[in-house]
Amino acid sequence: MTMPAAPPERSRNDPGSPRPESGARPVPSARVRFTSRAAVLAVVLCAVALSLAYPVREYIAQRRQVDQLEVQRQTIASKLSALQAEQRRMSSKAYVEQQAEDRLHMCLPTLTCYVIINPAPAHPSRPVSRRAAGLPWYERLWQSTRAADKEPGR
């Protein structure tokens, strides 16, 4: 009987030889999986995003409020300038006298003023008839008949 031949020994530098004694790593498979480092990185990124969400939202809300207050300030400033101009105009003696004459019909002691009690209408119009008052024709006829029946002096 013959003995089988022993397998040829491989050197330690041979890339095809297994190295059980050196704690070799297995060959990576074709499917890529997340490692624990990638999972920790994802968790950290989510934590950072969540921790920044509230301050960013508050910052945007505060910027909106600042813009609204700026518009309100500009509106108030324009009203203030209009009121200051009116105050300067009201403090003028000539303007006050003119308003007193126009609105209150006042007359300075040194002037002679006339008041027209029944001024003529600016636009002459038709005389107002009873028809404009809304009475029907038979009511107007009856009133004129009653007025004719009355004796003068009674």
Foldseek 3Di string as FASTA:
>chain_A
DDDDDDDDDDDPPDPPDDDPPVPDDDDDDPDDDDDPVNVVVVVVVVVVVVVVPVVVVVVVVVVVVVVVVVVVVVVVVVVVVVVVVVVVQVVDPVSVVVCCCVPVVDDDPVDDDDDDDDDDDPDDDDDDDCVNVVDDPVVVVVVVVVVVPDDPPD
